[in-house]
C-alpha atoms as a PDB file:
ATOM      1  CA  MET A   1      14.101  -0.168  -3.728  1.00  0.00           C
ATOM      2  CA  LYS A   2      14.609   2.561  -1.162  1.00  0.00           C
ATOM      3  CA  LYS A   3      17.977   3.889  -0.066  1.00  0.00           C
ATOM      4  CA  PHE A   4      18.723   4.867   3.533  1.00  0.00           C
ATOM      5  CA  ALA A   5      21.848   6.353   5.111  1.00  0.00           C
ATOM      6  CA  PHE A   6      23.054   5.440   8.581  1.00  0.00           C
ATOM      7  CA  GLY A   7      23.477   8.333  10.967  1.00  0.00           C
ATOM      8  CA  LEU A   8      21.015  10.712   9.267  1.00  0.00           C
ATOM      9  CA  MET A   9      18.770  12.464  11.805  1.00  0.00           C
ATOM     10  CA  THR A  10      17.182  15.809  11.119  1.00  0.00           C
ATOM     11  CA  ALA A  11      16.084  18.199  13.817  1.00  0.00           C
ATOM     12  CA  ALA A  12      12.481  17.371  13.035  1.00  0.00           C
ATOM     13  CA  ALA A  13      13.197  13.687  13.514  1.00  0.00           C
ATOM     14  CA  LEU A  14      14.670  14.413  16.927  1.00  0.00           C
ATOM     15  CA  THR A  15      11.438  16.149  17.815  1.00  0.00           C
ATOM     16  CA  ALA A  16       9.483  13.119  16.664  1.00  0.00           C
ATOM     17  CA  CYS A  17      11.688  10.835  18.754  1.00  0.00           C
ATOM     18  CA  LEU A  18      10.557  12.594  21.905  1.00  0.00           C
ATOM     19  CA  PHE A  19       7.427  10.476  21.565  1.00  0.00           C
ATOM     20  CA  SER A  20       9.189   7.114  21.289  1.00  0.00           C
ATOM     21  CA  ALA A  21       8.454   6.020  24.846  1.00  0.00           C
ATOM     22  CA  VAL A  22       4.893   7.301  25.026  1.00  0.00           C
ATOM     23  CA  ALA A  23       2.390   4.586  25.808  1.00  0.00           C
ATOM     24  CA  CYS A  24      -0.205   6.397  23.714  1.00  0.00           C
ATOM     25  CA  GLY A  25      -2.798   6.925  26.394  1.00  0.00           C
ATOM     26  CA  ASP A  26      -2.912   5.281  29.836  1.00  0.00           C
ATOM     27  CA  ASN A  27      -6.281   3.672  29.142  1.00  0.00           C
ATOM     28  CA  SER A  28      -5.362   2.321  25.724  1.00  0.00           C
ATOM     29  CA  ASP A  29      -5.064  -1.392  25.045  1.00  0.00           C
ATOM     30  CA  PHE A  30      -2.683  -0.674  22.190  1.00  0.00           C
ATOM     31  CA  VAL A  31       0.829   0.675  21.662  1.00  0.00           C
ATOM     32  CA  ALA A  32       2.888   1.901  18.707  1.00  0.00           C
ATOM     33  CA  ASN A  33       6.176  -0.028  18.516  1.00  0.00           C
ATOM     34  CA  ASP A  34       9.037   0.927  16.208  1.00  0.00           C
ATOM     35  CA  ALA A  35       9.619  -1.445  13.297  1.00  0.00           C
ATOM     36  CA  THR A  36      13.268  -1.979  14.166  1.00  0.00           C
ATOM     37  CA  ASP A  37      14.170  -3.853  10.979  1.00  0.00           C
ATOM     38  CA  LEU A  38      13.377  -0.740   8.916  1.00  0.00           C
ATOM     39  CA  LEU A  39      15.317   2.507   8.979  1.00  0.00           C
ATOM     40  CA  GLN A  40      13.991   6.041   8.967  1.00  0.00           C
ATOM     41  CA  GLU A  41      12.194   7.552   6.002  1.00  0.00           C
ATOM     42  CA  ASP A  42      12.469  11.136   4.793  1.00  0.00           C
ATOM     43  CA  PHE A  43       9.503  13.406   4.028  1.00  0.00           C
ATOM     44  CA  GLY A  44       9.272  16.096   1.364  1.00  0.00           C
ATOM     45  CA  ILE A  45       6.696  18.381  -0.243  1.00  0.00           C
ATOM     46  CA  ALA A  46       5.793  17.163  -3.739  1.00  0.00           C
ATOM     47  CA  VAL A  47       5.502  19.472  -6.752  1.00  0.00           C
ATOM     48  CA  LYS A  48       4.686  18.785 -10.381  1.00  0.00           C
ATOM     49  CA  LYS A  49       7.490  17.180 -12.343  1.00  0.00           C
ATOM     50  CA  GLY A  50       9.800  19.872 -13.691  1.00  0.00           C
ATOM     51  CA  ASP A  51       8.206  22.711 -11.709  1.00  0.00           C
ATOM     52  CA  THR A  52      11.493  24.265 -10.610  1.00  0.00           C
ATOM     53  CA  GLU A  53       9.829  27.526  -9.551  1.00  0.00           C
ATOM     54  CA  MET A  54       7.538  25.816  -7.042  1.00  0.00           C
ATOM     55  CA  LYS A  55      10.297  23.544  -5.757  1.00  0.00           C
ATOM     56  CA  ALA A  56      12.500  26.592  -5.153  1.00  0.00           C
ATOM     57  CA  ALA A  57       9.664  28.374  -3.337  1.00  0.00           C
ATOM     58  CA  VAL A  58       9.082  25.398  -1.037  1.00  0.00           C
ATOM     59  CA  ASP A  59      12.802  24.822  -0.472  1.00  0.00           C
ATOM     60  CA  GLU A  60      13.176  28.453   0.567  1.00  0.00           C
ATOM     61  CA  VAL A  61      10.673  27.992   3.407  1.00  0.00           C
ATOM     62  CA  VAL A  62      11.913  24.533   4.417  1.00  0.00           C
ATOM     63  CA  ASP A  63      15.563  25.570   4.481  1.00  0.00           C
ATOM     64  CA  GLU A  64      14.870  28.801   6.375  1.00  0.00           C
ATOM     65  CA  TRP A  65      12.782  27.082   9.048  1.00  0.00           C
ATOM     66  CA  LYS A  66      15.343  24.340   9.531  1.00  0.00           C
ATOM     67  CA  GLU A  67      18.148  26.903   9.759  1.00  0.00           C
ATOM     68  CA  ASN A  68      16.434  29.216  12.263  1.00  0.00           C
ATOM     69  CA  GLY A  69      14.975  26.417  14.392  1.00  0.00           C
ATOM     70  CA  ASN A  70      11.339  27.137  13.543  1.00  0.00           C
ATOM     71  CA  MET A  71      10.803  23.688  12.030  1.00  0.00           C
ATOM     72  CA  ASP A  72      11.408  22.087  15.425  1.00  0.00           C
ATOM     73  CA  LYS A  73       9.134  24.662  17.064  1.00  0.00           C
ATOM     74  CA  TYR A  74       6.322  24.010  14.596  1.00  0.00           C
ATOM     75  CA  PHE A  75       6.566  20.249  15.093  1.00  0.00           C
ATOM     76  CA  SER A  76       6.471  20.637  18.855  1.00  0.00           C
ATOM     77  CA  TYR A  77       3.484  22.990  18.674  1.00  0.00           C
ATOM     78  CA  TYR A  78       1.446  20.878  16.253  1.00  0.00           C
ATOM     79  CA  ASN A  79       2.248  17.677  18.167  1.00  0.00           C
ATOM     80  CA  ASP A  80       0.718  19.277  21.252  1.00  0.00           C
ATOM     81  CA  LEU A  81      -2.191  20.782  19.304  1.00  0.00           C
ATOM     82  CA  ALA A  82      -3.074  17.395  17.823  1.00  0.00           C
ATOM     83  CA  ASP A  83      -2.963  15.686  21.227  1.00  0.00           C
ATOM     84  CA  GLU A  84      -6.317  16.267  22.897  1.00  0.00           C
ATOM     85  CA  SER A  85      -4.792  15.677  26.338  1.00  0.00           C
ATOM     86  CA  LYS A  86      -2.378  18.617  25.993  1.00  0.00           C
ATOM     87  CA  THR A  87      -2.579  22.380  25.801  1.00  0.00           C
ATOM     88  CA  ALA A  88      -0.569  23.751  22.897  1.00  0.00           C
ATOM     89  CA  THR A  89       1.418  26.886  23.636  1.00  0.00           C
ATOM     90  CA  ALA A  90       3.004  28.671  20.695  1.00  0.00           C
ATOM     91  CA  PRO A  91       6.619  29.757  21.243  1.00  0.00           C
ATOM     92  CA  ASP A  92       7.288  33.484  21.062  1.00  0.00           C
ATOM     93  CA  GLY A  93       7.684  34.671  17.495  1.00  0.00           C
ATOM     94  CA  LEU A  94       6.108  31.586  15.896  1.00  0.00           C
ATOM     95  CA  LYS A  95       3.703  32.619  13.155  1.00  0.00           C
ATOM     96  CA  LEU A  96       0.450  30.658  13.254  1.00  0.00           C
ATOM     97  CA  THR A  97      -1.895  32.663  11.013  1.00  0.00           C
ATOM     98  CA  TRP A  98      -1.545  33.920   7.473  1.00  0.00           C
ATOM     99  CA  ASP A  99      -3.938  36.443   5.919  1.00  0.00           C
ATOM    100  CA  LEU A 100      -3.938  35.503   2.242  1.00  0.00           C
ATOM    101  CA  SER A 101      -7.425  36.762   1.439  1.00  0.00           C
ATOM    102  CA  ALA A 102      -6.290  39.813  -0.544  1.00  0.00           C
ATOM    103  CA  ASN A 103      -4.293  37.711  -3.003  1.00  0.00           C
ATOM    104  CA  THR A 104      -5.920  36.727  -6.285  1.00  0.00           C
ATOM    105  CA  GLU A 105      -3.690  34.003  -7.761  1.00  0.00           C
ATOM    106  CA  GLU A 106      -4.284  30.571  -6.253  1.00  0.00           C
ATOM    107  CA  LEU A 107      -1.865  28.012  -4.857  1.00  0.00           C
ATOM    108  CA  HIS A 108      -3.528  24.599  -4.691  1.00  0.00           C
ATOM    109  CA  MET A 109      -2.505  22.284  -1.876  1.00  0.00           C
ATOM    110  CA  TYR A 110      -3.466  18.597  -2.002  1.00  0.00           C
ATOM    111  CA  THR A 111      -3.474  16.738   1.289  1.00  0.00           C
ATOM    112  CA  GLU A 112      -5.260  14.082   3.366  1.00  0.00           C
ATOM    113  CA  SER A 113      -6.264  15.439   6.742  1.00  0.00           C
ATOM    114  CA  GLY A 114      -5.938  12.293   8.874  1.00  0.00           C
ATOM    115  CA  PHE A 115      -2.184  12.411   9.468  1.00  0.00           C
ATOM    116  CA  ALA A 116      -1.441  14.442  12.594  1.00  0.00           C
ATOM    117  CA  PRO A 117       0.754  16.371  13.257  1.00  0.00           C
ATOM    118  CA  TYR A 118       1.369  16.962   9.550  1.00  0.00           C
ATOM    119  CA  GLU A 119      -2.287  17.736   8.822  1.00  0.00           C
ATOM    120  CA  PHE A 120      -5.420  17.233  10.896  1.00  0.00           C
ATOM    121  CA  VAL A 121      -8.858  18.761  11.275  1.00  0.00           C
ATOM    122  CA  HIS A 122      -8.780  21.598  13.822  1.00  0.00           C
ATOM    123  CA  THR A 123     -10.720  24.817  14.319  1.00  0.00           C
ATOM    124  CA  SER A 124      -7.520  26.871  14.412  1.00  0.00           C
ATOM    125  CA  GLY A 125      -6.447  25.720  10.962  1.00  0.00           C
ATOM    126  CA  TYR A 126      -6.916  26.971   7.421  1.00  0.00           C
ATOM    127  CA  ALA A 127     -10.290  26.493   5.711  1.00  0.00           C
ATOM    128  CA  VAL A 128     -10.610  23.575   3.308  1.00  0.00           C
ATOM    129  CA  SER A 129     -12.039  24.433  -0.097  1.00  0.00           C
ATOM    130  CA  ASP A 130     -13.345  20.993  -0.957  1.00  0.00           C
ATOM    131  CA  GLY A 131     -12.891  17.387  -0.003  1.00  0.00           C
ATOM    132  CA  SER A 132     -14.599  14.975   2.347  1.00  0.00           C
ATOM    133  CA  ALA A 133     -16.789  17.567   4.114  1.00  0.00           C
ATOM    134  CA  GLN A 134     -20.144  18.013   2.432  1.00  0.00           C
ATOM    135  CA  ASP A 135     -19.922  21.786   2.443  1.00  0.00           C
ATOM    136  CA  GLY A 136     -16.159  22.213   2.701  1.00  0.00           C
ATOM    137  CA  SER A 137     -16.585  24.217   5.895  1.00  0.00           C
ATOM    138  CA  TYR A 138     -13.998  22.565   8.134  1.00  0.00           C
ATOM    139  CA  LYS A 139     -10.396  23.624   8.773  1.00  0.00           C
ATOM    140  CA  VAL A 140      -7.086  21.785   8.642  1.00  0.00           C
ATOM    141  CA  ALA A 141      -3.977  22.575  10.699  1.00  0.00           C
ATOM    142  CA  GLY A 142      -0.504  21.065  10.894  1.00  0.00           C
ATOM    143  CA  ILE A 143       3.100  21.487   9.874  1.00  0.00           C
ATOM    144  CA  ASP A 144       2.332  20.864   6.179  1.00  0.00           C
ATOM    145  CA  VAL A 145      -0.390  23.508   6.207  1.00  0.00           C
ATOM    146  CA  ALA A 146       1.974  25.986   7.860  1.00  0.00           C
ATOM    147  CA  ILE A 147       4.612  25.389   5.189  1.00  0.00           C
ATOM    148  CA  ALA A 148       2.042  25.765   2.409  1.00  0.00           C
ATOM    149  CA  CYS A 149       0.701  28.983   3.946  1.00  0.00           C
ATOM    150  CA  GLN A 150       4.159  30.511   4.095  1.00  0.00           C
ATOM    151  CA  VAL A 151       4.875  29.463   0.505  1.00  0.00           C
ATOM    152  CA  ALA A 152       1.576  31.033  -0.577  1.00  0.00           C
ATOM    153  CA  GLU A 153       2.401  34.263   1.250  1.00  0.00           C
ATOM    154  CA  ASN A 154       5.837  34.449  -0.363  1.00  0.00           C
ATOM    155  CA  LEU A 155       4.270  33.928  -3.801  1.00  0.00           C
ATOM    156  CA  ASN A 156       1.420  36.411  -3.148  1.00  0.00           C
ATOM    157  CA  CYS A 157      -1.154  33.650  -3.565  1.00  0.00           C
ATOM    158  CA  LYS A 158      -4.263  32.588  -1.729  1.00  0.00           C
ATOM    159  CA  LEU A 159      -4.147  28.990  -0.523  1.00  0.00           C
ATOM    160  CA  VAL A 160      -6.766  26.542  -1.790  1.00  0.00           C
ATOM    161  CA  ILE A 161      -6.696  23.317   0.233  1.00  0.00           C
ATOM    162  CA  HIS A 162      -8.085  20.115  -1.262  1.00  0.00           C
ATOM    163  CA  ASP A 163      -8.601  17.281   1.244  1.00  0.00           C
ATOM    164  CA  VAL A 164      -8.573  14.111  -0.853  1.00  0.00           C
ATOM    165  CA  ALA A 165      -7.812  10.399  -0.520  1.00  0.00           C
ATOM    166  CA  PHE A 166      -4.105   9.889   0.025  1.00  0.00           C
ATOM    167  CA  ASP A 167      -3.654   7.529  -2.901  1.00  0.00           C
ATOM    168  CA  SER A 168      -5.142  10.131  -5.287  1.00  0.00           C
ATOM    169  CA  ILE A 169      -2.956  13.090  -4.236  1.00  0.00           C
ATOM    170  CA  ILE A 170      -0.343  12.787  -6.979  1.00  0.00           C
ATOM    171  CA  THR A 171      -3.043  12.320  -9.623  1.00  0.00           C
ATOM    172  CA  HIS A 172      -4.765  15.526  -8.484  1.00  0.00           C
ATOM    173  CA  LEU A 173      -1.448  17.379  -8.392  1.00  0.00           C
ATOM    174  CA  ASP A 174      -0.559  16.366 -11.926  1.00  0.00           C
ATOM    175  CA  ALA A 175      -3.981  17.369 -13.248  1.00  0.00           C
ATOM    176  CA  THR A 176      -3.926  20.883 -11.785  1.00  0.00           C
ATOM    177  CA  ASP A 177      -3.258  23.930 -13.937  1.00  0.00           C
ATOM    178  CA  GLY A 178      -1.328  26.716 -12.275  1.00  0.00           C
ATOM    179  CA  LYS A 179       0.549  26.660  -8.986  1.00  0.00           C
ATOM    180  CA  ALA A 180       0.187  23.498  -6.913  1.00  0.00           C
ATOM    181  CA  LEU A 181       1.913  21.312  -4.351  1.00  0.00           C
ATOM    182  CA  ALA A 182       1.178  18.149  -2.403  1.00  0.00           C
ATOM    183  CA  ALA A 183       1.857  18.156   1.324  1.00  0.00           C
ATOM    184  CA  ALA A 184       0.733  15.091   3.228  1.00  0.00           C
ATOM    185  CA  GLY A 185       3.616  13.710   5.265  1.00  0.00           C
ATOM    186  CA  MET A 186       4.764  12.128   2.018  1.00  0.00           C
ATOM    187  CA  THR A 187       7.793   9.843   2.013  1.00  0.00           C
ATOM    188  CA  ILE A 188      10.383  10.581  -0.661  1.00  0.00           C
ATOM    189  CA  SER A 189      10.688   7.370  -2.681  1.00  0.00           C
ATOM    190  CA  GLU A 190      12.202   6.412  -6.017  1.00  0.00           C
ATOM    191  CA  GLU A 191       8.776   5.279  -7.211  1.00  0.00           C
ATOM    192  CA  ARG A 192       7.118   8.601  -6.428  1.00  0.00           C
ATOM    193  CA  LYS A 193      10.034  10.551  -7.894  1.00  0.00           C
ATOM    194  CA  GLN A 194       9.099   9.127 -11.274  1.00  0.00           C
ATOM    195  CA  SER A 195       5.860  11.166 -11.108  1.00  0.00           C
ATOM    196  CA  VAL A 196       6.739  14.233  -9.015  1.00  0.00           C
ATOM    197  CA  ASP A 197       9.675  16.273  -7.778  1.00  0.00           C
ATOM    198  CA  PHE A 198      10.287  16.678  -4.056  1.00  0.00           C
ATOM    199  CA  SER A 199      11.431  19.576  -1.931  1.00  0.00           C
ATOM    200  CA  ASN A 200      14.395  19.287   0.374  1.00  0.00           C
ATOM    201  CA  ILE A 201      13.789  17.004   3.345  1.00  0.00           C
ATOM    202  CA  TYR A 202      11.842  18.724   6.121  1.00  0.00           C
ATOM    203  CA  SER A 203      11.088  15.769   8.401  1.00  0.00           C
ATOM    204  CA  SER A 204      12.132  12.179   9.013  1.00  0.00           C
ATOM    205  CA  SER A 205      10.243   9.355  10.652  1.00  0.00           C
ATOM    206  CA  THR A 206      10.271   5.646  11.359  1.00  0.00           C
ATOM    207  CA  LEU A 207       7.484   3.191  10.692  1.00  0.00           C
ATOM    208  CA  SER A 208       5.557   1.769  13.622  1.00  0.00           C
ATOM    209  CA  ILE A 209       3.418  -1.248  14.367  1.00  0.00           C
ATOM    210  CA  VAL A 210       0.210  -0.426  16.229  1.00  0.00           C
ATOM    211  CA  CYS A 211      -0.828  -3.537  18.127  1.00  0.00           C
ATOM    212  CA  ALA A 212      -2.133  -4.863  21.425  1.00  0.00           C
ATOM    213  CA  LYS A 213       0.134  -4.051  24.358  1.00  0.00           C
ATOM    214  CA  ASP A 214       1.002  -7.685  25.006  1.00  0.00           C
ATOM    215  CA  ALA A 215       1.547  -8.634  21.348  1.00  0.00           C
ATOM    216  CA  GLY A 216       5.183  -7.559  21.241  1.00  0.00           C
ATOM    217  CA  TYR A 217       5.513  -6.970  17.501  1.00  0.00           C
ATOM    218  CA  THR A 218       8.623  -4.864  16.892  1.00  0.00           C
ATOM    219  CA  THR A 219       9.690  -5.773  13.346  1.00  0.00           C
ATOM    220  CA  LEU A 220       8.044  -6.002   9.954  1.00  0.00           C
ATOM    221  CA  LYS A 221       9.293  -9.594   9.773  1.00  0.00           C
ATOM    222  CA  SER A 222       7.389 -10.454  12.964  1.00  0.00           C
ATOM    223  CA  LEU A 223       4.114  -9.687  11.160  1.00  0.00           C
ATOM    224  CA  ASP A 224       4.392 -12.813   9.013  1.00  0.00           C
ATOM    225  CA  GLY A 225       1.112 -14.710   9.265  1.00  0.00           C
ATOM    226  CA  LEU A 226      -0.929 -11.680  10.399  1.00  0.00           C
ATOM    227  CA  THR A 227      -3.533  -9.403   8.835  1.00  0.00           C
ATOM    228  CA  ILE A 228      -1.862  -6.009   8.467  1.00  0.00           C
ATOM    229  CA  GLY A 229      -3.917  -2.826   8.207  1.00  0.00           C
ATOM    230  CA  VAL A 230      -2.529   0.097   6.197  1.00  0.00           C
ATOM    231  CA  GLN A 231      -3.745   3.345   4.708  1.00  0.00           C
ATOM    232  CA  GLU A 232      -3.992   2.962   0.962  1.00  0.00           C
ATOM    233  CA  GLY A 233      -1.051   4.439  -0.941  1.00  0.00           C
ATOM    234  CA  THR A 234       1.121   5.200   2.103  1.00  0.00           C
ATOM    235  CA  SER A 235       4.640   3.937   2.745  1.00  0.00           C
ATOM    236  CA  GLY A 236       3.218   1.354   5.116  1.00  0.00           C
ATOM    237  CA  ASP A 237       0.997   0.064   2.304  1.00  0.00           C
ATOM    238  CA  LEU A 238       3.770   0.048  -0.304  1.00  0.00           C
ATOM    239  CA  ILE A 239       6.283  -1.675   1.976  1.00  0.00           C
ATOM    240  CA  ALA A 240       3.923  -4.292   3.430  1.00  0.00           C
ATOM    241  CA  SER A 241       2.440  -5.051   0.005  1.00  0.00           C
ATOM    242  CA  ALA A 242       5.931  -5.527  -1.424  1.00  0.00           C
ATOM    243  CA  ALA A 243       6.977  -7.719   1.500  1.00  0.00           C
ATOM    244  CA  ILE A 244       4.254 -10.296   0.774  1.00  0.00           C
ATOM    245  CA  THR A 245       5.334 -10.729  -2.863  1.00  0.00           C
ATOM    246  CA  SER A 246       7.813 -13.371  -3.996  1.00  0.00           C
ATOM    247  CA  GLU A 247      10.469 -10.666  -4.414  1.00  0.00           C
ATOM    248  CA  GLY A 248       9.880  -9.153  -0.981  1.00  0.00           C
ATOM    249  CA  TYR A 249      10.696  -5.592   0.078  1.00  0.00           C
ATOM    250  CA  THR A 250      14.293  -4.506  -0.534  1.00  0.00           C
ATOM    251  CA  TYR A 251      16.044  -1.366   0.605  1.00  0.00           C
ATOM    252  CA  THR A 252      19.661  -0.303   0.331  1.00  0.00           C
ATOM    253  CA  VAL A 253      21.653   0.860   3.322  1.00  0.00           C
ATOM    254  CA  THR A 254      24.529   3.279   2.752  1.00  0.00           C
ATOM    255  CA  ASN A 255      27.180   2.539   5.347  1.00  0.00           C
ATOM    256  CA  ASP A 256      29.530   5.036   6.986  1.00  0.00           C
ATOM    257  CA  ASP A 257      32.300   4.014   4.591  1.00  0.00           C
ATOM    258  CA  GLU A 258      29.984   4.735   1.609  1.00  0.00           C
ATOM    259  CA  THR A 259      29.594   1.036   0.772  1.00  0.00           C
ATOM    260  CA  GLU A 260      26.050  -0.212   0.233  1.00  0.00           C
ATOM    261  CA  THR A 261      24.221  -3.232   1.596  1.00  0.00           C
ATOM    262  CA  ASP A 262      20.883  -4.547   0.329  1.00  0.00           C
ATOM    263  CA  VAL A 263      18.370  -5.684   2.932  1.00  0.00           C
ATOM    264  CA  ASN A 264      15.420  -7.862   1.886  1.00  0.00           C
ATOM    265  CA  ILE A 265      12.343  -8.641   3.976  1.00  0.00           C
ATOM    266  CA  LYS A 266       9.828 -11.280   2.912  1.00  0.00           C
ATOM    267  CA  LEU A 267       6.591 -12.296   4.600  1.00  0.00           C
ATOM    268  CA  THR A 268       6.131 -15.798   3.254  1.00  0.00           C
ATOM    269  CA  SER A 269       3.188 -17.211   5.204  1.00  0.00           C
ATOM    270  CA  ALA A 270       0.029 -17.828   3.194  1.00  0.00           C
ATOM    271  CA  ASP A 271      -1.871 -16.387   6.170  1.00  0.00           C
ATOM    272  CA  THR A 272      -0.299 -12.942   5.766  1.00  0.00           C
ATOM    273  CA  HIS A 273      -2.724 -10.374   4.351  1.00  0.00           C
ATOM    274  CA  VAL A 274      -2.538  -6.620   3.785  1.00  0.00           C
ATOM    275  CA  THR A 275      -5.864  -4.813   4.188  1.00  0.00           C
ATOM    276  CA  GLN A 276      -6.079  -1.264   2.840  1.00  0.00           C
ATOM    277  CA  TYR A 277      -8.183   1.498   4.401  1.00  0.00           C
ATOM    278  CA  LYS A 278      -8.899   5.010   3.211  1.00  0.00           C
ATOM    279  CA  THR A 279      -8.160   6.488   6.652  1.00  0.00           C
ATOM    280  CA  TYR A 280      -6.229   5.480   9.752  1.00  0.00           C
ATOM    281  CA  ALA A 281      -9.364   6.016  11.807  1.00  0.00           C
ATOM    282  CA  ALA A 282     -11.020   3.226   9.837  1.00  0.00           C
ATOM    283  CA  ALA A 283      -7.973   1.011  10.355  1.00  0.00           C
ATOM    284  CA  LEU A 284      -8.043   1.668  14.106  1.00  0.00           C
ATOM    285  CA  ALA A 285     -11.716   0.715  14.252  1.00  0.00           C
ATOM    286  CA  ALA A 286     -10.870  -2.522  12.446  1.00  0.00           C
ATOM    287  CA  LEU A 287      -8.033  -3.224  14.884  1.00  0.00           C
ATOM    288  CA  LYS A 288     -10.281  -2.698  17.886  1.00  0.00           C
ATOM    289  CA  SER A 289     -12.939  -4.986  16.446  1.00  0.00           C
ATOM    290  CA  GLY A 290     -10.432  -7.743  15.711  1.00  0.00           C
ATOM    291  CA  LYS A 291     -10.702  -7.591  11.918  1.00  0.00           C
ATOM    292  CA  ILE A 292      -6.951  -6.949  11.627  1.00  0.00           C
ATOM    293  CA  ASP A 293      -4.019  -7.783  13.884  1.00  0.00           C
ATOM    294  CA  VAL A 294      -1.899  -4.643  13.508  1.00  0.00           C
ATOM    295  CA  ILE A 295      -1.677  -1.273  11.764  1.00  0.00           C
ATOM    296  CA  PHE A 296       1.534  -0.432   9.930  1.00  0.00           C
ATOM    297  CA  MET A 297       2.059   3.348   9.783  1.00  0.00           C
ATOM    298  CA  ASP A 298       4.376   6.249  10.586  1.00  0.00           C
ATOM    299  CA  LYS A 299       5.458   6.688  14.176  1.00  0.00           C
ATOM    300  CA  VAL A 300       4.263  10.081  15.437  1.00  0.00           C
ATOM    301  CA  PRO A 301       0.854   9.944  13.694  1.00  0.00           C
ATOM    302  CA  ALA A 302       0.446   6.444  15.171  1.00  0.00           C
ATOM    303  CA  GLN A 303       1.040   7.721  18.685  1.00  0.00           C
ATOM    304  CA  LEU A 304      -1.297  10.664  18.224  1.00  0.00           C
ATOM    305  CA  LEU A 305      -3.942   8.341  16.758  1.00  0.00           C
ATOM    306  CA  LEU A 306      -3.854   6.281  19.928  1.00  0.00           C
ATOM    307  CA  ALA A 307      -3.558   9.253  22.259  1.00  0.00           C
ATOM    308  CA  ASN A 308      -6.817  10.640  20.889  1.00  0.00           C
ATOM    309  CA  ALA A 309      -8.639   7.320  20.590  1.00  0.00           C
END
């Protein structure tokens, strides 16, 4: 069960909402529609359970950037950088590079690089130490990488980025000795909080349905009877997979008067299937080939996925 509060909108979420009317590429046959029967989700940086020192270090950066307006600036910059049709221009005073090479202690960052603008492969980013590249020679940029770099600088650490499958991130984090965090556009959920601690909220998003332009799917409930593509382990996966069970997916809304209302969504058709993919690129290929009907994923990454398709 996930709890939402009406009226909560962070500055980063406002930045994300600038993309709500984008058709995701004039030549695209697909759009990303908001799932209007679900409310926004909040993102945080994950740290090992009980690691109060690392949580405080991340919160320091998150809180400072939200207070001075840099969080909005970073989101705007990395949105443009991830969109191949745009030219990204860094605002004056925005730090985009961190020289951590002289530091000896390591800060390990676990991420999955297919989730722009939070993290994505780009030549201007920070070098990946291992992961899906055969020689680990590629670079990853994005708002999560920027936060991790600043945390590493504040702690006098070098940053070691591990690009791994999304559903394995928490396992890798837990198994790491020394300083570590997980930054991957990760939704703060009660289930995940059993395994990790989260930083303060640094971004909020809504879930979207990527589908054919003329399909008109705008709610999770409208996907009953369809084959739904998700990235394994993401919020889209967890919510859609719960919705097809006999219990359905339930979340709790906190109203303005502090009362709470439970909302339950069930997809009851025997023809409803959830198909998991390791990457959103693989899910998009399946959508284009007709193997699935929709992709269920976060809003801004969905729009950037289509913009660059």
